[in-house]
Amino acid sequence: MASVILFPAIDLKGGQCVRLVHGDMALATVFNDDPAAQAIIFERQGFEYLHVVDLDGAFAGKPMNALAVEKVLAALTKMPLQLGGGIRDMRTIDAWLGKGVNRIIIGTAAVRDPGLVREAARRHPGKIAIGVDARDGIVAVEGWARSSQLTAIELGKRFEDAGVAAIIYTDIARDGVLKGLNIEATLALANGLAIPVIASGGLASIADIERLLEPDCARLAGAITGRALYDGRLDPEQALKLIKSKRAA
């Protein structure tokens, strides 16, 4: 349990902090006009690690909210940040790590350019994660706009020997709709790989945190929470206290 982390999410669209439903950019709810201010709130609440996604970048294939990310980095005092969305070449990876991002999440490029992932993991040990975003078990790319030919487990196994730090597994069908984490599918992936897996998509309440801390989930490295935090369904103090108590136990 010592490695379990609850990641608060900041998804960026047009420089604002938003949440989507099933990854649909037309169904965006703005929760904060100032992502840096939101990052400060999360840090003060006691979260250990921030999850940031450049949604516009995921569709464009290049960083589109760089200024907002830089402001978030400048606002944080101690909380590390992992960043995904539109990161598809080594120059962008090097640049973000050089600016203080702690971990880079590669999604589309992991499907289209696996050599990039391997080279990045070699050059930046412990700093590269894979975003595995699946719809009915099939990996989606380009901001979830297109489906690949790979299953989640096939993509994960592609990088078993690459030295990646983690896999962030998102169930697209649950993302943004508060249906609860897909523990079954996440565990199936985690149990088939040696790479640590982080659950994402659908976390709705403290019940999901309790489920995450059950013995059969011991292989999971944590979970990402977004909408449930923003709309008050998940109390951060209660969630973090529960995780801390489980670690102590």
C-alpha atoms as a PDB file:
ATOM      1  CA  MET A   1       0.000   0.000   0.000  1.00  0.00           C
ATOM      2  CA  ALA A   2       2.976   2.346   0.403  1.00  0.00           C
ATOM      3  CA  SER A   3       2.991   3.124  -3.303  1.00  0.00           C
ATOM      4  CA  VAL A   4      -0.719   3.975  -3.692  1.00  0.00           C
ATOM      5  CA  ILE A   5      -1.165   7.547  -4.876  1.00  0.00           C
ATOM      6  CA  LEU A   6      -4.346   9.512  -5.511  1.00  0.00           C
ATOM      7  CA  PHE A   7      -3.693  11.893  -8.412  1.00  0.00           C
ATOM      8  CA  PRO A   8      -5.932  14.965  -8.765  1.00  0.00           C
ATOM      9  CA  ALA A   9      -6.427  15.817 -12.430  1.00  0.00           C
ATOM     10  CA  ILE A  10      -6.185  19.087 -14.302  1.00  0.00           C
ATOM     11  CA  ASP A  11      -7.381  18.784 -17.895  1.00  0.00           C
ATOM     12  CA  LEU A  12      -6.588  21.818 -20.035  1.00  0.00           C
ATOM     13  CA  LYS A  13      -8.763  23.173 -22.831  1.00  0.00           C
ATOM     14  CA  GLY A  14      -8.292  26.715 -24.069  1.00  0.00           C
ATOM     15  CA  GLY A  15      -6.166  27.532 -21.039  1.00  0.00           C
ATOM     16  CA  GLN A  16      -8.942  26.563 -18.638  1.00  0.00           C
ATOM     17  CA  CYS A  17      -9.349  23.681 -16.219  1.00  0.00           C
ATOM     18  CA  VAL A  18     -12.167  21.499 -17.572  1.00  0.00           C
ATOM     19  CA  ARG A  19     -13.679  18.043 -17.382  1.00  0.00           C
ATOM     20  CA  LEU A  20     -15.057  16.157 -20.360  1.00  0.00           C
ATOM     21  CA  VAL A  21     -17.605  13.366 -20.723  1.00  0.00           C
ATOM     22  CA  HIS A  22     -16.218  10.313 -22.554  1.00  0.00           C
ATOM     23  CA  GLY A  23     -13.458  12.530 -23.930  1.00  0.00           C
ATOM     24  CA  ASP A  24     -15.935  14.603 -25.981  1.00  0.00           C
ATOM     25  CA  MET A  25     -14.534  18.127 -26.395  1.00  0.00           C
ATOM     26  CA  ALA A  26     -18.067  19.410 -27.050  1.00  0.00           C
ATOM     27  CA  LEU A  27     -19.100  18.252 -23.582  1.00  0.00           C
ATOM     28  CA  ALA A  28     -16.601  20.274 -21.560  1.00  0.00           C
ATOM     29  CA  THR A  29     -17.444  21.765 -18.175  1.00  0.00           C
ATOM     30  CA  VAL A  30     -15.168  24.574 -16.997  1.00  0.00           C
ATOM     31  CA  PHE A  31     -14.303  24.212 -13.321  1.00  0.00           C
ATOM     32  CA  ASN A  32     -11.600  26.853 -13.000  1.00  0.00           C
ATOM     33  CA  ASP A  33     -10.394  29.614 -15.316  1.00  0.00           C
ATOM     34  CA  ASP A  34      -7.024  29.535 -13.545  1.00  0.00           C
ATOM     35  CA  PRO A  35      -5.326  26.093 -13.656  1.00  0.00           C
ATOM     36  CA  ALA A  36      -2.388  27.366 -11.583  1.00  0.00           C
ATOM     37  CA  ALA A  37      -4.753  28.421  -8.802  1.00  0.00           C
ATOM     38  CA  GLN A  38      -6.382  24.992  -8.979  1.00  0.00           C
ATOM     39  CA  ALA A  39      -2.982  23.318  -8.697  1.00  0.00           C
ATOM     40  CA  ILE A  40      -2.244  25.333  -5.563  1.00  0.00           C
ATOM     41  CA  ILE A  41      -5.559  24.178  -4.059  1.00  0.00           C
ATOM     42  CA  PHE A  42      -4.673  20.548  -4.701  1.00  0.00           C
ATOM     43  CA  GLU A  43      -1.198  20.980  -3.235  1.00  0.00           C
ATOM     44  CA  ARG A  44      -2.555  22.646  -0.088  1.00  0.00           C
ATOM     45  CA  GLN A  45      -5.108  19.863   0.309  1.00  0.00           C
ATOM     46  CA  GLY A  46      -2.210  17.439   0.690  1.00  0.00           C
ATOM     47  CA  PHE A  47      -2.140  15.602  -2.628  1.00  0.00           C
ATOM     48  CA  GLU A  48       1.233  14.072  -3.487  1.00  0.00           C
ATOM     49  CA  TYR A  49       1.278  14.098  -7.275  1.00  0.00           C
ATOM     50  CA  LEU A  50      -0.554  16.148  -9.924  1.00  0.00           C
ATOM     51  CA  HIS A  51      -1.899  14.720 -13.187  1.00  0.00           C
ATOM     52  CA  VAL A  52      -2.160  17.226 -16.066  1.00  0.00           C
ATOM     53  CA  VAL A  53      -3.440  16.631 -19.607  1.00  0.00           C
ATOM     54  CA  ASP A  54      -3.290  19.062 -22.523  1.00  0.00           C
ATOM     55  CA  LEU A  55      -6.576  18.095 -24.179  1.00  0.00           C
ATOM     56  CA  ASP A  56      -6.134  20.449 -27.124  1.00  0.00           C
ATOM     57  CA  GLY A  57      -2.652  19.039 -27.586  1.00  0.00           C
ATOM     58  CA  ALA A  58      -3.958  15.475 -27.687  1.00  0.00           C
ATOM     59  CA  PHE A  59      -6.081  16.365 -30.726  1.00  0.00           C
ATOM     60  CA  ALA A  60      -3.522  18.646 -32.383  1.00  0.00           C
ATOM     61  CA  GLY A  61      -0.565  16.323 -31.886  1.00  0.00           C
ATOM     62  CA  LYS A  62       1.548  19.044 -30.292  1.00  0.00           C
ATOM     63  CA  PRO A  63       1.465  21.137 -27.093  1.00  0.00           C
ATOM     64  CA  MET A  64      -1.364  23.679 -27.173  1.00  0.00           C
ATOM     65  CA  ASN A  65      -1.610  24.753 -23.535  1.00  0.00           C
ATOM     66  CA  ALA A  66       2.085  25.238 -22.833  1.00  0.00           C
ATOM     67  CA  LEU A  67       1.620  28.589 -21.084  1.00  0.00           C
ATOM     68  CA  ALA A  68      -0.957  27.154 -18.704  1.00  0.00           C
ATOM     69  CA  VAL A  69       1.301  24.193 -17.897  1.00  0.00           C
ATOM     70  CA  GLU A  70       4.241  26.508 -17.259  1.00  0.00           C
ATOM     71  CA  LYS A  71       2.117  28.601 -14.880  1.00  0.00           C
ATOM     72  CA  VAL A  72       1.106  25.451 -13.011  1.00  0.00           C
ATOM     73  CA  LEU A  73       4.746  24.412 -12.711  1.00  0.00           C
ATOM     74  CA  ALA A  74       5.681  27.858 -11.407  1.00  0.00           C
ATOM     75  CA  ALA A  75       2.850  27.801  -8.851  1.00  0.00           C
ATOM     76  CA  LEU A  76       3.740  24.458  -7.283  1.00  0.00           C
ATOM     77  CA  THR A  77       6.220  24.408  -4.421  1.00  0.00           C
ATOM     78  CA  LYS A  78       6.782  20.689  -3.856  1.00  0.00           C
ATOM     79  CA  MET A  79       4.156  18.569  -5.634  1.00  0.00           C
ATOM     80  CA  PRO A  80       5.534  16.762  -8.717  1.00  0.00           C
ATOM     81  CA  LEU A  81       3.581  16.830 -11.971  1.00  0.00           C
ATOM     82  CA  GLN A  82       3.010  14.254 -14.696  1.00  0.00           C
ATOM     83  CA  LEU A  83       1.974  15.588 -18.096  1.00  0.00           C
ATOM     84  CA  GLY A  84       0.295  14.075 -21.146  1.00  0.00           C
ATOM     85  CA  GLY A  85      -1.410  15.261 -24.317  1.00  0.00           C
ATOM     86  CA  GLY A  86       0.225  15.927 -27.671  1.00  0.00           C
ATOM     87  CA  ILE A  87       3.688  14.750 -26.649  1.00  0.00           C
ATOM     88  CA  ARG A  88       4.887  12.868 -29.701  1.00  0.00           C
ATOM     89  CA  ASP A  89       8.580  13.611 -30.244  1.00  0.00           C
ATOM     90  CA  MET A  90      11.819  13.606 -28.277  1.00  0.00           C
ATOM     91  CA  ARG A  91      12.276  17.348 -28.514  1.00  0.00           C
ATOM     92  CA  THR A  92       8.986  17.938 -26.682  1.00  0.00           C
ATOM     93  CA  ILE A  93       9.808  15.288 -24.087  1.00  0.00           C
ATOM     94  CA  ASP A  94      13.220  16.792 -23.394  1.00  0.00           C
ATOM     95  CA  ALA A  95      11.783  20.307 -23.227  1.00  0.00           C
ATOM     96  CA  TRP A  96       9.077  19.504 -20.685  1.00  0.00           C
ATOM     97  CA  LEU A  97      11.385  17.497 -18.451  1.00  0.00           C
ATOM     98  CA  GLY A  98      13.851  20.371 -18.634  1.00  0.00           C
ATOM     99  CA  LYS A  99      11.135  22.771 -17.454  1.00  0.00           C
ATOM    100  CA  GLY A 100      10.386  20.737 -14.363  1.00  0.00           C
ATOM    101  CA  VAL A 101       7.756  18.190 -15.365  1.00  0.00           C
ATOM    102  CA  ASN A 102       8.510  15.059 -13.347  1.00  0.00           C
ATOM    103  CA  ARG A 103       6.975  12.458 -15.641  1.00  0.00           C
ATOM    104  CA  ILE A 104       5.836  12.441 -19.269  1.00  0.00           C
ATOM    105  CA  ILE A 105       2.813  10.425 -20.401  1.00  0.00           C
ATOM    106  CA  ILE A 106       2.974   9.123 -23.965  1.00  0.00           C
ATOM    107  CA  GLY A 107      -0.277   7.916 -25.491  1.00  0.00           C
ATOM    108  CA  THR A 108      -0.768   8.114 -29.256  1.00  0.00           C
ATOM    109  CA  ALA A 109       2.972   7.919 -29.938  1.00  0.00           C
ATOM    110  CA  ALA A 110       3.160   4.691 -27.929  1.00  0.00           C
ATOM    111  CA  VAL A 111       0.943   3.125 -30.591  1.00  0.00           C
ATOM    112  CA  ARG A 112       2.376   4.894 -33.641  1.00  0.00           C
ATOM    113  CA  ASP A 113       6.043   5.216 -32.669  1.00  0.00           C
ATOM    114  CA  PRO A 114       7.064   2.637 -30.036  1.00  0.00           C
ATOM    115  CA  GLY A 115      10.722   3.399 -30.706  1.00  0.00           C
ATOM    116  CA  LEU A 116      10.182   6.875 -29.284  1.00  0.00           C
ATOM    117  CA  VAL A 117       8.989   5.401 -26.001  1.00  0.00           C
ATOM    118  CA  ARG A 118      11.975   3.097 -25.770  1.00  0.00           C
ATOM    119  CA  GLU A 119      14.465   5.856 -26.509  1.00  0.00           C
ATOM    120  CA  ALA A 120      12.763   8.267 -24.110  1.00  0.00           C
ATOM    121  CA  ALA A 121      12.748   5.677 -21.305  1.00  0.00           C
ATOM    122  CA  ARG A 122      16.426   4.983 -21.945  1.00  0.00           C
ATOM    123  CA  ARG A 123      17.342   8.666 -21.860  1.00  0.00           C
ATOM    124  CA  HIS A 124      15.075   9.536 -18.937  1.00  0.00           C
ATOM    125  CA  PRO A 125      14.850   6.579 -16.512  1.00  0.00           C
ATOM    126  CA  GLY A 126      11.769   6.691 -14.309  1.00  0.00           C
ATOM    127  CA  LYS A 127      10.358   9.682 -16.177  1.00  0.00           C
ATOM    128  CA  ILE A 128       8.253   8.065 -18.905  1.00  0.00           C
ATOM    129  CA  ALA A 129       4.747   6.620 -18.533  1.00  0.00           C
ATOM    130  CA  ILE A 130       2.361   5.146 -21.090  1.00  0.00           C
ATOM    131  CA  GLY A 131      -1.218   6.320 -21.441  1.00  0.00           C
ATOM    132  CA  VAL A 132      -3.397   3.322 -22.315  1.00  0.00           C
ATOM    133  CA  ASP A 133      -6.855   4.689 -23.098  1.00  0.00           C
ATOM    134  CA  ALA A 134      -9.290   1.935 -24.018  1.00  0.00           C
ATOM    135  CA  ARG A 135     -12.816   1.699 -25.362  1.00  0.00           C
ATOM    136  CA  ASP A 136     -14.231  -1.823 -24.993  1.00  0.00           C
ATOM    137  CA  GLY A 137     -10.685  -3.050 -24.481  1.00  0.00           C
ATOM    138  CA  ILE A 138      -9.319  -1.465 -27.686  1.00  0.00           C
ATOM    139  CA  VAL A 139      -6.787   1.343 -27.397  1.00  0.00           C
ATOM    140  CA  ALA A 140      -7.912   4.748 -28.719  1.00  0.00           C
ATOM    141  CA  VAL A 141      -5.537   7.449 -30.001  1.00  0.00           C
ATOM    142  CA  GLU A 142      -5.472  11.104 -31.097  1.00  0.00           C
ATOM    143  CA  GLY A 143      -7.507  12.402 -28.185  1.00  0.00           C
ATOM    144  CA  TRP A 144      -9.632   9.239 -28.302  1.00  0.00           C
ATOM    145  CA  ALA A 145     -10.926  10.261 -31.733  1.00  0.00           C
ATOM    146  CA  ARG A 146      -9.657   7.089 -33.440  1.00  0.00           C
ATOM    147  CA  SER A 147      -9.322   3.439 -32.495  1.00  0.00           C
ATOM    148  CA  SER A 148      -6.121   1.459 -32.961  1.00  0.00           C
ATOM    149  CA  GLN A 149      -5.815  -2.256 -33.672  1.00  0.00           C
ATOM    150  CA  LEU A 150      -4.264  -2.986 -30.277  1.00  0.00           C
ATOM    151  CA  THR A 151      -5.819  -4.220 -27.060  1.00  0.00           C
ATOM    152  CA  ALA A 152      -4.733  -2.663 -23.789  1.00  0.00           C
ATOM    153  CA  ILE A 153      -2.722  -5.716 -22.773  1.00  0.00           C
ATOM    154  CA  GLU A 154      -1.016  -5.892 -26.184  1.00  0.00           C
ATOM    155  CA  LEU A 155       0.112  -2.283 -25.887  1.00  0.00           C
ATOM    156  CA  GLY A 156       1.307  -2.818 -22.336  1.00  0.00           C
ATOM    157  CA  LYS A 157       3.318  -5.915 -23.227  1.00  0.00           C
ATOM    158  CA  ARG A 158       4.997  -4.008 -26.043  1.00  0.00           C
ATOM    159  CA  PHE A 159       6.895  -2.033 -23.393  1.00  0.00           C
ATOM    160  CA  GLU A 160       7.490  -4.655 -20.699  1.00  0.00           C
ATOM    161  CA  ASP A 161      11.241  -4.474 -21.217  1.00  0.00           C
ATOM    162  CA  ALA A 162      11.443  -0.753 -22.041  1.00  0.00           C
ATOM    163  CA  GLY A 163      11.838   0.568 -18.518  1.00  0.00           C
ATOM    164  CA  VAL A 164       8.697   2.724 -18.430  1.00  0.00           C
ATOM    165  CA  ALA A 165       7.698   3.942 -14.987  1.00  0.00           C
ATOM    166  CA  ALA A 166       3.947   3.341 -15.153  1.00  0.00           C
ATOM    167  CA  ILE A 167       0.865   2.767 -17.255  1.00  0.00           C
ATOM    168  CA  ILE A 168      -2.142   5.026 -16.809  1.00  0.00           C
ATOM    169  CA  TYR A 169      -5.141   2.920 -17.801  1.00  0.00           C
ATOM    170  CA  THR A 170      -8.297   4.870 -18.651  1.00  0.00           C
ATOM    171  CA  ASP A 171     -11.660   3.275 -19.330  1.00  0.00           C
ATOM    172  CA  ILE A 172     -13.108   5.783 -21.815  1.00  0.00           C
ATOM    173  CA  ALA A 173     -16.674   4.581 -21.255  1.00  0.00           C
ATOM    174  CA  ARG A 174     -16.440   5.655 -17.616  1.00  0.00           C
ATOM    175  CA  ASP A 175     -14.411   8.819 -17.987  1.00  0.00           C
ATOM    176  CA  GLY A 176     -16.226  11.881 -16.682  1.00  0.00           C
ATOM    177  CA  VAL A 177     -19.495  10.123 -15.886  1.00  0.00           C
ATOM    178  CA  LEU A 178     -18.878   9.051 -12.272  1.00  0.00           C
ATOM    179  CA  LYS A 179     -19.726   5.372 -12.754  1.00  0.00           C
ATOM    180  CA  GLY A 180     -16.871   4.146 -10.589  1.00  0.00           C
ATOM    181  CA  LEU A 181     -13.461   2.813 -11.518  1.00  0.00           C
ATOM    182  CA  ASN A 182     -13.329  -0.237 -13.760  1.00  0.00           C
ATOM    183  CA  ILE A 183     -11.365  -2.275 -11.256  1.00  0.00           C
ATOM    184  CA  GLU A 184     -11.901  -5.560 -13.090  1.00  0.00           C
ATOM    185  CA  ALA A 185     -10.338  -4.370 -16.351  1.00  0.00           C
ATOM    186  CA  THR A 186      -7.594  -2.435 -14.564  1.00  0.00           C
ATOM    187  CA  LEU A 187      -6.626  -5.464 -12.491  1.00  0.00           C
ATOM    188  CA  ALA A 188      -6.645  -7.681 -15.578  1.00  0.00           C
ATOM    189  CA  LEU A 189      -4.081  -5.349 -17.127  1.00  0.00           C
ATOM    190  CA  ALA A 190      -2.017  -5.001 -13.954  1.00  0.00           C
ATOM    191  CA  ASN A 191      -1.933  -8.742 -13.349  1.00  0.00           C
ATOM    192  CA  GLY A 192      -0.712  -9.336 -16.886  1.00  0.00           C
ATOM    193  CA  LEU A 193       2.184  -6.895 -16.657  1.00  0.00           C
ATOM    194  CA  ALA A 194       5.179  -6.128 -14.481  1.00  0.00           C
ATOM    195  CA  ILE A 195       4.735  -2.371 -15.080  1.00  0.00           C
ATOM    196  CA  PRO A 196       2.872  -0.478 -12.300  1.00  0.00           C
ATOM    197  CA  VAL A 197      -0.673   0.457 -13.372  1.00  0.00           C
ATOM    198  CA  ILE A 198      -2.662   3.548 -12.351  1.00  0.00           C
ATOM    199  CA  ALA A 199      -6.466   3.439 -12.670  1.00  0.00           C
ATOM    200  CA  SER A 200      -8.313   6.262 -14.395  1.00  0.00           C
ATOM    201  CA  GLY A 201     -11.845   7.003 -15.510  1.00  0.00           C
ATOM    202  CA  GLY A 202     -15.020   7.078 -13.461  1.00  0.00           C
ATOM    203  CA  LEU A 203     -13.808   7.524  -9.882  1.00  0.00           C
ATOM    204  CA  ALA A 204     -16.972   8.726  -8.170  1.00  0.00           C
ATOM    205  CA  SER A 205     -16.775   8.560  -4.382  1.00  0.00           C
ATOM    206  CA  ILE A 206     -14.972   7.371  -1.287  1.00  0.00           C
ATOM    207  CA  ALA A 207     -16.245   3.882  -2.139  1.00  0.00           C
ATOM    208  CA  ASP A 208     -13.809   3.816  -5.053  1.00  0.00           C
ATOM    209  CA  ILE A 209     -10.948   4.692  -2.713  1.00  0.00           C
ATOM    210  CA  GLU A 210     -12.002   1.925  -0.345  1.00  0.00           C
ATOM    211  CA  ARG A 211     -12.123  -0.520  -3.260  1.00  0.00           C
ATOM    212  CA  LEU A 212      -8.689   0.595  -4.433  1.00  0.00           C
ATOM    213  CA  LEU A 213      -7.301  -0.283  -1.007  1.00  0.00           C
ATOM    214  CA  GLU A 214      -8.697  -3.823  -0.915  1.00  0.00           C
ATOM    215  CA  PRO A 215      -6.051  -6.607  -0.861  1.00  0.00           C
ATOM    216  CA  ASP A 216      -6.688  -7.733  -4.446  1.00  0.00           C
ATOM    217  CA  CYS A 217      -5.789  -4.226  -5.666  1.00  0.00           C
ATOM    218  CA  ALA A 218      -2.363  -4.270  -4.021  1.00  0.00           C
ATOM    219  CA  ARG A 219      -0.680  -4.345  -7.446  1.00  0.00           C
ATOM    220  CA  LEU A 220      -2.245  -1.024  -8.466  1.00  0.00           C
ATOM    221  CA  ALA A 221      -0.095   2.075  -8.055  1.00  0.00           C
ATOM    222  CA  GLY A 222      -3.009   4.424  -7.531  1.00  0.00           C
ATOM    223  CA  ALA A 223      -5.865   6.218  -9.258  1.00  0.00           C
ATOM    224  CA  ILE A 224      -6.689   9.518 -10.914  1.00  0.00           C
ATOM    225  CA  THR A 225      -9.643  11.593  -9.770  1.00  0.00           C
ATOM    226  CA  GLY A 226     -11.210  14.529 -11.584  1.00  0.00           C
ATOM    227  CA  ARG A 227     -14.901  15.386 -11.689  1.00  0.00           C
ATOM    228  CA  ALA A 228     -15.664  13.820  -8.296  1.00  0.00           C
ATOM    229  CA  LEU A 229     -13.212  16.237  -6.695  1.00  0.00           C
ATOM    230  CA  TYR A 230     -14.488  19.257  -8.560  1.00  0.00           C
ATOM    231  CA  ASP A 231     -18.170  18.715  -7.835  1.00  0.00           C
ATOM    232  CA  GLY A 232     -17.658  17.741  -4.198  1.00  0.00           C
ATOM    233  CA  ARG A 233     -18.587  14.051  -4.419  1.00  0.00           C
ATOM    234  CA  LEU A 234     -15.154  13.098  -3.099  1.00  0.00           C
ATOM    235  CA  ASP A 235     -13.871  14.818   0.011  1.00  0.00           C
ATOM    236  CA  PRO A 236     -10.073  15.162  -0.405  1.00  0.00           C
ATOM    237  CA  GLU A 237      -9.353  15.180   3.323  1.00  0.00           C
ATOM    238  CA  GLN A 238     -11.351  11.985   3.865  1.00  0.00           C
ATOM    239  CA  ALA A 239      -9.808  10.245   0.851  1.00  0.00           C
ATOM    240  CA  LEU A 240      -6.230  11.110   1.738  1.00  0.00           C
ATOM    241  CA  LYS A 241      -6.762  10.234   5.390  1.00  0.00           C
ATOM    242  CA  LEU A 242      -8.073   6.807   4.389  1.00  0.00           C
ATOM    243  CA  ILE A 243      -5.070   6.145   2.147  1.00  0.00           C
ATOM    244  CA  LYS A 244      -2.692   7.266   4.884  1.00  0.00           C
ATOM    245  CA  SER A 245      -4.347   5.036   7.469  1.00  0.00           C
ATOM    246  CA  LYS A 246      -4.127   2.024   5.151  1.00  0.00           C
ATOM    247  CA  ARG A 247      -0.436   2.696   4.590  1.00  0.00           C
ATOM    248  CA  ALA A 248       0.161   2.856   8.325  1.00  0.00           C
ATOM    249  CA  ALA A 249      -1.752  -0.390   8.846  1.00  0.00           C
END
